Each structure stands twice: as C-alpha cells, then as structure tokens.
Amino acid sequence: FNLPKTSGLEALVIAQREAPDVPFVFVTGTIGEEIAAETIL
C-alpha cells in the first residue's frame, strides 16, 4: 500500500483500467481501519 515511487491506490486505479478482471490484493504492513475499508470500496 505504501510505496516511495507510487501509492497502492494509484496502482489499483491503473489495474482497474488496464486489467479490470485481474484480482488485486494489498499485502501491506500496519494499516488503519479507515484506509483498509477504502481499499475495498
């Protein structure tokens, strides 16, 4: 989710545009509940 050169959410947007049928899973360190919910939403 947290990357120095991009963000996980930006990558998710790109994936939904380029490969919308491919499952996308965040594998990350500590993350808040609000952000966790945001990733699923």
ModelCIF file with pLDDT and N, C-alpha, C, O atoms, coordinates in Angstrom:
data_MODEL
#
_entry.id   MODEL 
#
_entity.id                         1 
_entity.type                       polymer 
_entity.pdbx_number_of_molecules   1 
#
_entity_poly.entity_id                      1 
_entity_poly.type                           'polypeptide(L)' 
_entity_poly.nstd_linkage                   no 
_entity_poly.nstd_monomer                   no 
_entity_poly.pdbx_seq_one_letter_code       FNLPKTSGLEALVIAQREAPDVPFVFVTGTIGEEIAAETIL 
_entity_poly.pdbx_seq_one_letter_code_can   FNLPKTSGLEALVIAQREAPDVPFVFVTGTIGEEIAAETIL 
_entity_poly.pdbx_strand_id                 A 
#
loop_
_entity_poly_seq.entity_id 
_entity_poly_seq.num 
_entity_poly_seq.mon_id 
_entity_poly_seq.hetero 
1 1  PHE n 
1 2  ASN n 
1 3  LEU n 
1 4  PRO n 
1 5  LYS n 
1 6  THR n 
1 7  SER n 
1 8  GLY n 
1 9  LEU n 
1 10 GLU n 
1 11 ALA n 
1 12 LEU n 
1 13 VAL n 
1 14 ILE n 
1 15 ALA n 
1 16 GLN n 
1 17 ARG n 
1 18 GLU n 
1 19 ALA n 
1 20 PRO n 
1 21 ASP n 
1 22 VAL n 
1 23 PRO n 
1 24 PHE n 
1 25 VAL n 
1 26 PHE n 
1 27 VAL n 
1 28 THR n 
1 29 GLY n 
1 30 THR n 
1 31 ILE n 
1 32 GLY n 
1 33 GLU n 
1 34 GLU n 
1 35 ILE n 
1 36 ALA n 
1 37 ALA n 
1 38 GLU n 
1 39 THR n 
1 40 ILE n 
1 41 LEU n 
#
_struct_asym.id          A 
_struct_asym.entity_id   1 
#
loop_
_ma_qa_metric.id 
_ma_qa_metric.mode 
_ma_qa_metric.name 
_ma_qa_metric.software_group_id 
_ma_qa_metric.type 
1 global pLDDT . pLDDT 
2 local  pLDDT . pLDDT 
#
_ma_qa_metric_global.metric_id      1 
_ma_qa_metric_global.metric_value   85.46 
_ma_qa_metric_global.model_id       1 
_ma_qa_metric_global.ordinal_id     1 
#
loop_
_ma_qa_metric_local.label_asym_id 
_ma_qa_metric_local.label_comp_id 
_ma_qa_metric_local.label_seq_id 
_ma_qa_metric_local.metric_id 
_ma_qa_metric_local.metric_value 
_ma_qa_metric_local.model_id 
_ma_qa_metric_local.ordinal_id 
A PHE 1  2 89.00 1 1  
A ASN 2  2 85.00 1 2  
A LEU 3  2 89.00 1 3  
A PRO 4  2 89.00 1 4  
A LYS 5  2 89.00 1 5  
A THR 6  2 88.00 1 6  
A SER 7  2 87.00 1 7  
A GLY 8  2 89.00 1 8  
A LEU 9  2 90.00 1 9  
A GLU 10 2 93.00 1 10 
A ALA 11 2 94.00 1 11 
A LEU 12 2 94.00 1 12 
A VAL 13 2 93.00 1 13 
A ILE 14 2 95.00 1 14 
A ALA 15 2 94.00 1 15 
A GLN 16 2 92.00 1 16 
A ARG 17 2 92.00 1 17 
A GLU 18 2 92.00 1 18 
A ALA 19 2 89.00 1 19 
A PRO 20 2 87.00 1 20 
A ASP 21 2 84.00 1 21 
A VAL 22 2 90.00 1 22 
A PRO 23 2 92.00 1 23 
A PHE 24 2 94.00 1 24 
A VAL 25 2 95.00 1 25 
A PHE 26 2 93.00 1 26 
A VAL 27 2 93.00 1 27 
A THR 28 2 88.00 1 28 
A GLY 29 2 84.00 1 29 
A THR 30 2 73.00 1 30 
A ILE 31 2 74.00 1 31 
A GLY 32 2 71.00 1 32 
A GLU 33 2 71.00 1 33 
A GLU 34 2 71.00 1 34 
A ILE 35 2 75.00 1 35 
A ALA 36 2 75.00 1 36 
A ALA 37 2 76.00 1 37 
A GLU 38 2 74.00 1 38 
A THR 39 2 76.00 1 39 
A ILE 40 2 73.00 1 40 
A LEU 41 2 72.00 1 41 
#
loop_
_atom_site.group_PDB 
_atom_site.id 
_atom_site.type_symbol 
_atom_site.label_atom_id 
_atom_site.label_alt_id 
_atom_site.label_comp_id 
_atom_site.label_asym_id 
_atom_site.label_entity_id 
_atom_site.label_seq_id 
_atom_site.pdbx_PDB_ins_code 
_atom_site.Cartn_x 
_atom_site.Cartn_y 
_atom_site.Cartn_z 
_atom_site.occupancy 
_atom_site.B_iso_or_equiv 
_atom_site.pdbx_formal_charge 
_atom_site.auth_seq_id 
_atom_site.auth_comp_id 
_atom_site.auth_asym_id 
_atom_site.auth_atom_id 
_atom_site.pdbx_PDB_model_num 
ATOM 1   N N  . PHE A 1 1  ? 0.824   -1.208  0.000   1.00 89.00 ? 1  PHE A N  1 
ATOM 2   C CA . PHE A 1 1  ? 0.000   0.000   0.000   1.00 89.00 ? 1  PHE A CA 1 
ATOM 3   C C  . PHE A 1 1  ? 0.860   1.261   0.000   1.00 89.00 ? 1  PHE A C  1 
ATOM 4   O O  . PHE A 1 1  ? 0.563   2.229   -0.700  1.00 89.00 ? 1  PHE A O  1 
ATOM 5   N N  . ASN A 1 2  ? 1.933   1.235   0.798   1.00 85.00 ? 2  ASN A N  1 
ATOM 6   C CA . ASN A 1 2  ? 2.812   2.391   0.916   1.00 85.00 ? 2  ASN A CA 1 
ATOM 7   C C  . ASN A 1 2  ? 4.108   2.146   0.143   1.00 85.00 ? 2  ASN A C  1 
ATOM 8   O O  . ASN A 1 2  ? 4.906   1.277   0.495   1.00 85.00 ? 2  ASN A O  1 
ATOM 9   N N  . LEU A 1 3  ? 4.296   2.933   -0.917  1.00 89.00 ? 3  LEU A N  1 
ATOM 10  C CA . LEU A 1 3  ? 5.477   2.801   -1.765  1.00 89.00 ? 3  LEU A CA 1 
ATOM 11  C C  . LEU A 1 3  ? 6.105   4.172   -1.987  1.00 89.00 ? 3  LEU A C  1 
ATOM 12  O O  . LEU A 1 3  ? 5.392   5.172   -2.067  1.00 89.00 ? 3  LEU A O  1 
ATOM 13  N N  . PRO A 1 4  ? 7.435   4.229   -2.086  1.00 89.00 ? 4  PRO A N  1 
ATOM 14  C CA . PRO A 1 4  ? 8.081   5.535   -2.247  1.00 89.00 ? 4  PRO A CA 1 
ATOM 15  C C  . PRO A 1 4  ? 7.845   6.187   -3.605  1.00 89.00 ? 4  PRO A C  1 
ATOM 16  O O  . PRO A 1 4  ? 7.860   7.414   -3.707  1.00 89.00 ? 4  PRO A O  1 
ATOM 17  N N  . LYS A 1 5  ? 7.623   5.378   -4.662  1.00 89.00 ? 5  LYS A N  1 
ATOM 18  C CA . LYS A 1 5  ? 7.513   5.937   -6.010  1.00 89.00 ? 5  LYS A CA 1 
ATOM 19  C C  . LYS A 1 5  ? 6.076   6.023   -6.516  1.00 89.00 ? 5  LYS A C  1 
ATOM 20  O O  . LYS A 1 5  ? 5.821   6.633   -7.555  1.00 89.00 ? 5  LYS A O  1 
ATOM 21  N N  . THR A 1 6  ? 5.156   5.431   -5.805  1.00 88.00 ? 6  THR A N  1 
ATOM 22  C CA . THR A 1 6  ? 3.741   5.496   -6.172  1.00 88.00 ? 6  THR A CA 1 
ATOM 23  C C  . THR A 1 6  ? 2.928   5.095   -4.953  1.00 88.00 ? 6  THR A C  1 
ATOM 24  O O  . THR A 1 6  ? 3.497   4.847   -3.890  1.00 88.00 ? 6  THR A O  1 
ATOM 25  N N  . SER A 1 7  ? 1.622   5.025   -5.083  1.00 87.00 ? 7  SER A N  1 
ATOM 26  C CA . SER A 1 7  ? 0.787   4.577   -3.963  1.00 87.00 ? 7  SER A CA 1 
ATOM 27  C C  . SER A 1 7  ? -0.025  3.367   -4.397  1.00 87.00 ? 7  SER A C  1 
ATOM 28  O O  . SER A 1 7  ? -0.272  3.151   -5.583  1.00 87.00 ? 7  SER A O  1 
ATOM 29  N N  . GLY A 1 8  ? -0.431  2.585   -3.406  1.00 89.00 ? 8  GLY A N  1 
ATOM 30  C CA . GLY A 1 8  ? -1.220  1.410   -3.717  1.00 89.00 ? 8  GLY A CA 1 
ATOM 31  C C  . GLY A 1 8  ? -2.536  1.749   -4.389  1.00 89.00 ? 8  GLY A C  1 
ATOM 32  O O  . GLY A 1 8  ? -2.973  1.048   -5.302  1.00 89.00 ? 8  GLY A O  1 
ATOM 33  N N  . LEU A 1 9  ? -3.176  2.834   -3.932  1.00 90.00 ? 9  LEU A N  1 
ATOM 34  C CA . LEU A 1 9  ? -4.461  3.219   -4.519  1.00 90.00 ? 9  LEU A CA 1 
ATOM 35  C C  . LEU A 1 9  ? -4.297  3.675   -5.971  1.00 90.00 ? 9  LEU A C  1 
ATOM 36  O O  . LEU A 1 9  ? -5.162  3.413   -6.807  1.00 90.00 ? 9  LEU A O  1 
ATOM 37  N N  . GLU A 1 10 ? -3.181  4.362   -6.269  1.00 93.00 ? 10 GLU A N  1 
ATOM 38  C CA . GLU A 1 10 ? -2.920  4.753   -7.658  1.00 93.00 ? 10 GLU A CA 1 
ATOM 39  C C  . GLU A 1 10 ? -2.726  3.513   -8.521  1.00 93.00 ? 10 GLU A C  1 
ATOM 40  O O  . GLU A 1 10 ? -3.209  3.457   -9.652  1.00 93.00 ? 10 GLU A O  1 
ATOM 41  N N  . ALA A 1 11 ? -2.020  2.519   -7.988  1.00 94.00 ? 11 ALA A N  1 
ATOM 42  C CA . ALA A 1 11 ? -1.810  1.267   -8.714  1.00 94.00 ? 11 ALA A CA 1 
ATOM 43  C C  . ALA A 1 11 ? -3.135  0.551   -8.949  1.00 94.00 ? 11 ALA A C  1 
ATOM 44  O O  . ALA A 1 11 ? -3.348  -0.040  -10.007 1.00 94.00 ? 11 ALA A O  1 
ATOM 45  N N  . LEU A 1 12 ? -4.024  0.607   -7.961  1.00 94.00 ? 12 LEU A N  1 
ATOM 46  C CA . LEU A 1 12 ? -5.338  -0.026  -8.096  1.00 94.00 ? 12 LEU A CA 1 
ATOM 47  C C  . LEU A 1 12 ? -6.135  0.621   -9.220  1.00 94.00 ? 12 LEU A C  1 
ATOM 48  O O  . LEU A 1 12 ? -6.804  -0.072  -9.987  1.00 94.00 ? 12 LEU A O  1 
ATOM 49  N N  . VAL A 1 13 ? -6.068  1.935   -9.320  1.00 93.00 ? 13 VAL A N  1 
ATOM 50  C CA . VAL A 1 13 ? -6.769  2.645   -10.400 1.00 93.00 ? 13 VAL A CA 1 
ATOM 51  C C  . VAL A 1 13 ? -6.227  2.205   -11.767 1.00 93.00 ? 13 VAL A C  1 
ATOM 52  O O  . VAL A 1 13 ? -6.993  1.966   -12.700 1.00 93.00 ? 13 VAL A O  1 
ATOM 53  N N  . ILE A 1 14 ? -4.907  2.104   -11.867 1.00 95.00 ? 14 ILE A N  1 
ATOM 54  C CA . ILE A 1 14 ? -4.282  1.667   -13.127 1.00 95.00 ? 14 ILE A CA 1 
ATOM 55  C C  . ILE A 1 14 ? -4.709  0.241   -13.466 1.00 95.00 ? 14 ILE A C  1 
ATOM 56  O O  . ILE A 1 14 ? -5.031  -0.062  -14.614 1.00 95.00 ? 14 ILE A O  1 
ATOM 57  N N  . ALA A 1 15 ? -4.708  -0.623  -12.465 1.00 94.00 ? 15 ALA A N  1 
ATOM 58  C CA . ALA A 1 15 ? -5.088  -2.023  -12.685 1.00 94.00 ? 15 ALA A CA 1 
ATOM 59  C C  . ALA A 1 15 ? -6.535  -2.142  -13.137 1.00 94.00 ? 15 ALA A C  1 
ATOM 60  O O  . ALA A 1 15 ? -6.853  -2.955  -14.005 1.00 94.00 ? 15 ALA A O  1 
ATOM 61  N N  . GLN A 1 16 ? -7.406  -1.339  -12.554 1.00 92.00 ? 16 GLN A N  1 
ATOM 62  C CA . GLN A 1 16 ? -8.818  -1.391  -12.939 1.00 92.00 ? 16 GLN A CA 1 
ATOM 63  C C  . GLN A 1 16 ? -9.017  -0.902  -14.372 1.00 92.00 ? 16 GLN A C  1 
ATOM 64  O O  . GLN A 1 16 ? -9.953  -1.317  -15.056 1.00 92.00 ? 16 GLN A O  1 
ATOM 65  N N  . ARG A 1 17 ? -8.143  -0.033  -14.810 1.00 92.00 ? 17 ARG A N  1 
ATOM 66  C CA . ARG A 1 17 ? -8.223  0.462   -16.189 1.00 92.00 ? 17 ARG A CA 1 
ATOM 67  C C  . ARG A 1 17 ? -7.622  -0.534  -17.184 1.00 92.00 ? 17 ARG A C  1 
ATOM 68  O O  . ARG A 1 17 ? -8.196  -0.781  -18.244 1.00 92.00 ? 17 ARG A O  1 
ATOM 69  N N  . GLU A 1 18 ? -6.475  -1.096  -16.839 1.00 92.00 ? 18 GLU A N  1 
ATOM 70  C CA . GLU A 1 18 ? -5.742  -1.952  -17.771 1.00 92.00 ? 18 GLU A CA 1 
ATOM 71  C C  . GLU A 1 18 ? -6.126  -3.430  -17.683 1.00 92.00 ? 18 GLU A C  1 
ATOM 72  O O  . GLU A 1 18 ? -6.077  -4.149  -18.681 1.00 92.00 ? 18 GLU A O  1 
ATOM 73  N N  . ALA A 1 19 ? -6.505  -3.877  -16.488 1.00 89.00 ? 19 ALA A N  1 
ATOM 74  C CA . ALA A 1 19 ? -6.818  -5.306  -16.301 1.00 89.00 ? 19 ALA A CA 1 
ATOM 75  C C  . ALA A 1 19 ? -7.925  -5.453  -15.258 1.00 89.00 ? 19 ALA A C  1 
ATOM 76  O O  . ALA A 1 19 ? -7.681  -5.968  -14.168 1.00 89.00 ? 19 ALA A O  1 
ATOM 77  N N  . PRO A 1 20 ? -9.135  -5.008  -15.581 1.00 87.00 ? 20 PRO A N  1 
ATOM 78  C CA . PRO A 1 20 ? -10.217 -4.972  -14.595 1.00 87.00 ? 20 PRO A CA 1 
ATOM 79  C C  . PRO A 1 20 ? -10.653 -6.331  -14.054 1.00 87.00 ? 20 PRO A C  1 
ATOM 80  O O  . PRO A 1 20 ? -11.250 -6.403  -12.980 1.00 87.00 ? 20 PRO A O  1 
ATOM 81  N N  . ASP A 1 21 ? -10.363 -7.412  -14.785 1.00 84.00 ? 21 ASP A N  1 
ATOM 82  C CA . ASP A 1 21 ? -10.790 -8.741  -14.342 1.00 84.00 ? 21 ASP A CA 1 
ATOM 83  C C  . ASP A 1 21 ? -9.740  -9.457  -13.494 1.00 84.00 ? 21 ASP A C  1 
ATOM 84  O O  . ASP A 1 21 ? -9.985  -10.562 -13.008 1.00 84.00 ? 21 ASP A O  1 
ATOM 85  N N  . VAL A 1 22 ? -8.579  -8.839  -13.313 1.00 90.00 ? 22 VAL A N  1 
ATOM 86  C CA . VAL A 1 22 ? -7.494  -9.489  -12.562 1.00 90.00 ? 22 VAL A CA 1 
ATOM 87  C C  . VAL A 1 22 ? -7.623  -9.150  -11.078 1.00 90.00 ? 22 VAL A C  1 
ATOM 88  O O  . VAL A 1 22 ? -7.676  -7.972  -10.723 1.00 90.00 ? 22 VAL A O  1 
ATOM 89  N N  . PRO A 1 23 ? -7.675  -10.162 -10.201 1.00 92.00 ? 23 PRO A N  1 
ATOM 90  C CA . PRO A 1 23 ? -7.772  -9.893  -8.760  1.00 92.00 ? 23 PRO A CA 1 
ATOM 91  C C  . PRO A 1 23 ? -6.592  -9.052  -8.267  1.00 92.00 ? 23 PRO A C  1 
ATOM 92  O O  . PRO A 1 23 ? -5.449  -9.277  -8.665  1.00 92.00 ? 23 PRO A O  1 
ATOM 93  N N  . PHE A 1 24 ? -6.882  -8.088  -7.400  1.00 94.00 ? 24 PHE A N  1 
ATOM 94  C CA . PHE A 1 24 ? -5.872  -7.165  -6.868  1.00 94.00 ? 24 PHE A CA 1 
ATOM 95  C C  . PHE A 1 24 ? -5.904  -7.256  -5.355  1.00 94.00 ? 24 PHE A C  1 
ATOM 96  O O  . PHE A 1 24 ? -6.916  -6.935  -4.732  1.00 94.00 ? 24 PHE A O  1 
ATOM 97  N N  . VAL A 1 25 ? -4.794  -7.695  -4.756  1.00 95.00 ? 25 VAL A N  1 
ATOM 98  C CA . VAL A 1 25 ? -4.724  -7.881  -3.302  1.00 95.00 ? 25 VAL A CA 1 
ATOM 99  C C  . VAL A 1 25 ? -3.635  -6.988  -2.716  1.00 95.00 ? 25 VAL A C  1 
ATOM 100 O O  . VAL A 1 25 ? -2.492  -7.008  -3.172  1.00 95.00 ? 25 VAL A O  1 
ATOM 101 N N  . PHE A 1 26 ? -3.998  -6.213  -1.712  1.00 93.00 ? 26 PHE A N  1 
ATOM 102 C CA . PHE A 1 26 ? -2.997  -5.448  -0.984  1.00 93.00 ? 26 PHE A CA 1 
ATOM 103 C C  . PHE A 1 26 ? -2.329  -6.359  0.043   1.00 93.00 ? 26 PHE A C  1 
ATOM 104 O O  . PHE A 1 26 ? -3.006  -7.010  0.839   1.00 93.00 ? 26 PHE A O  1 
ATOM 105 N N  . VAL A 1 27 ? -1.001  -6.399  0.019   1.00 93.00 ? 27 VAL A N  1 
ATOM 106 C CA . VAL A 1 27 ? -0.219  -7.112  1.026   1.00 93.00 ? 27 VAL A CA 1 
ATOM 107 C C  . VAL A 1 27 ? 0.684   -6.065  1.656   1.00 93.00 ? 27 VAL A C  1 
ATOM 108 O O  . VAL A 1 27 ? 1.684   -5.661  1.062   1.00 93.00 ? 27 VAL A O  1 
ATOM 109 N N  . THR A 1 28 ? 0.334   -5.628  2.852   1.00 88.00 ? 28 THR A N  1 
ATOM 110 C CA . THR A 1 28 ? 0.990   -4.447  3.402   1.00 88.00 ? 28 THR A CA 1 
ATOM 111 C C  . THR A 1 28 ? 1.231   -4.591  4.899   1.00 88.00 ? 28 THR A C  1 
ATOM 112 O O  . THR A 1 28 ? 0.784   -5.550  5.528   1.00 88.00 ? 28 THR A O  1 
ATOM 113 N N  . GLY A 1 29 ? 1.954   -3.606  5.461   1.00 84.00 ? 29 GLY A N  1 
ATOM 114 C CA . GLY A 1 29 ? 2.221   -3.590  6.892   1.00 84.00 ? 29 GLY A CA 1 
ATOM 115 C C  . GLY A 1 29 ? 1.019   -3.053  7.642   1.00 84.00 ? 29 GLY A C  1 
ATOM 116 O O  . GLY A 1 29 ? -0.119  -3.219  7.205   1.00 84.00 ? 29 GLY A O  1 
ATOM 117 N N  . THR A 1 30 ? 1.269   -2.414  8.763   1.00 73.00 ? 30 THR A N  1 
ATOM 118 C CA . THR A 1 30 ? 0.192   -1.855  9.578   1.00 73.00 ? 30 THR A CA 1 
ATOM 119 C C  . THR A 1 30 ? -0.616  -0.846  8.773   1.00 73.00 ? 30 THR A C  1 
ATOM 120 O O  . THR A 1 30 ? -0.059  0.004   8.079   1.00 73.00 ? 30 THR A O  1 
ATOM 121 N N  . ILE A 1 31 ? -1.927  -0.954  8.875   1.00 74.00 ? 31 ILE A N  1 
ATOM 122 C CA . ILE A 1 31 ? -2.801  -0.069  8.114   1.00 74.00 ? 31 ILE A CA 1 
ATOM 123 C C  . ILE A 1 31 ? -4.057  0.213   8.939   1.00 74.00 ? 31 ILE A C  1 
ATOM 124 O O  . ILE A 1 31 ? -4.587  -0.681  9.599   1.00 74.00 ? 31 ILE A O  1 
ATOM 125 N N  . GLY A 1 32 ? -4.520  1.438   8.898   1.00 71.00 ? 32 GLY A N  1 
ATOM 126 C CA . GLY A 1 32 ? -5.691  1.819   9.689   1.00 71.00 ? 32 GLY A CA 1 
ATOM 127 C C  . GLY A 1 32 ? -6.971  1.232   9.130   1.00 71.00 ? 32 GLY A C  1 
ATOM 128 O O  . GLY A 1 32 ? -7.040  0.857   7.960   1.00 71.00 ? 32 GLY A O  1 
ATOM 129 N N  . GLU A 1 33 ? -7.989  1.156   9.983   1.00 71.00 ? 33 GLU A N  1 
ATOM 130 C CA . GLU A 1 33 ? -9.267  0.585   9.569   1.00 71.00 ? 33 GLU A CA 1 
ATOM 131 C C  . GLU A 1 33 ? -9.919  1.390   8.444   1.00 71.00 ? 33 GLU A C  1 
ATOM 132 O O  . GLU A 1 33 ? -10.500 0.823   7.518   1.00 71.00 ? 33 GLU A O  1 
ATOM 133 N N  . GLU A 1 34 ? -9.814  2.725   8.537   1.00 71.00 ? 34 GLU A N  1 
ATOM 134 C CA . GLU A 1 34 ? -10.431 3.559   7.506   1.00 71.00 ? 34 GLU A CA 1 
ATOM 135 C C  . GLU A 1 34 ? -9.783  3.333   6.147   1.00 71.00 ? 34 GLU A C  1 
ATOM 136 O O  . GLU A 1 34 ? -10.466 3.239   5.127   1.00 71.00 ? 34 GLU A O  1 
ATOM 137 N N  . ILE A 1 35 ? -8.443  3.246   6.145   1.00 75.00 ? 35 ILE A N  1 
ATOM 138 C CA . ILE A 1 35 ? -7.734  3.010   4.884   1.00 75.00 ? 35 ILE A CA 1 
ATOM 139 C C  . ILE A 1 35 ? -8.045  1.614   4.367   1.00 75.00 ? 35 ILE A C  1 
ATOM 140 O O  . ILE A 1 35 ? -8.202  1.416   3.162   1.00 75.00 ? 35 ILE A O  1 
ATOM 141 N N  . ALA A 1 36 ? -8.135  0.644   5.273   1.00 75.00 ? 36 ALA A N  1 
ATOM 142 C CA . ALA A 1 36 ? -8.466  -0.724  4.863   1.00 75.00 ? 36 ALA A CA 1 
ATOM 143 C C  . ALA A 1 36 ? -9.824  -0.763  4.183   1.00 75.00 ? 36 ALA A C  1 
ATOM 144 O O  . ALA A 1 36 ? -10.000 -1.414  3.153   1.00 75.00 ? 36 ALA A O  1 
ATOM 145 N N  . ALA A 1 37 ? -10.780 -0.058  4.774   1.00 76.00 ? 37 ALA A N  1 
ATOM 146 C CA . ALA A 1 37 ? -12.118 -0.011  4.183   1.00 76.00 ? 37 ALA A CA 1 
ATOM 147 C C  . ALA A 1 37 ? -12.080 0.697   2.836   1.00 76.00 ? 37 ALA A C  1 
ATOM 148 O O  . ALA A 1 37 ? -12.788 0.314   1.905   1.00 76.00 ? 37 ALA A O  1 
ATOM 149 N N  . GLU A 1 38 ? -11.253 1.729   2.739   1.00 74.00 ? 38 GLU A N  1 
ATOM 150 C CA . GLU A 1 38 ? -11.147 2.486   1.483   1.00 74.00 ? 38 GLU A CA 1 
ATOM 151 C C  . GLU A 1 38 ? -10.624 1.619   0.350   1.00 74.00 ? 38 GLU A C  1 
ATOM 152 O O  . GLU A 1 38 ? -11.080 1.742   -0.787  1.00 74.00 ? 38 GLU A O  1 
ATOM 153 N N  . THR A 1 39 ? -9.673  0.743   0.649   1.00 76.00 ? 39 THR A N  1 
ATOM 154 C CA . THR A 1 39 ? -9.121  -0.116  -0.396  1.00 76.00 ? 39 THR A CA 1 
ATOM 155 C C  . THR A 1 39 ? -10.188 -1.034  -0.980  1.00 76.00 ? 39 THR A C  1 
ATOM 156 O O  . THR A 1 39 ? -10.236 -1.252  -2.191  1.00 76.00 ? 39 THR A O  1 
ATOM 157 N N  . ILE A 1 40 ? -11.037 -1.566  -0.117  1.00 73.00 ? 40 ILE A N  1 
ATOM 158 C CA . ILE A 1 40 ? -12.099 -2.458  -0.591  1.00 73.00 ? 40 ILE A CA 1 
ATOM 159 C C  . ILE A 1 40 ? -13.155 -1.677  -1.353  1.00 73.00 ? 40 ILE A C  1 
ATOM 160 O O  . ILE A 1 40 ? -13.644 -2.128  -2.389  1.00 73.00 ? 40 ILE A O  1 
ATOM 161 N N  . LEU A 1 41 ? -13.506 -0.508  -0.840  1.00 72.00 ? 41 LEU A N  1 
ATOM 162 C CA . LEU A 1 41 ? -14.506 0.322   -1.513  1.00 72.00 ? 41 LEU A CA 1 
ATOM 163 C C  . LEU A 1 41 ? -14.022 0.767   -2.892  1.00 72.00 ? 41 LEU A C  1 
ATOM 164 O O  . LEU A 1 41 ? -14.739 1.475   -3.599  1.00 72.00 ? 41 LEU A O  1 
#
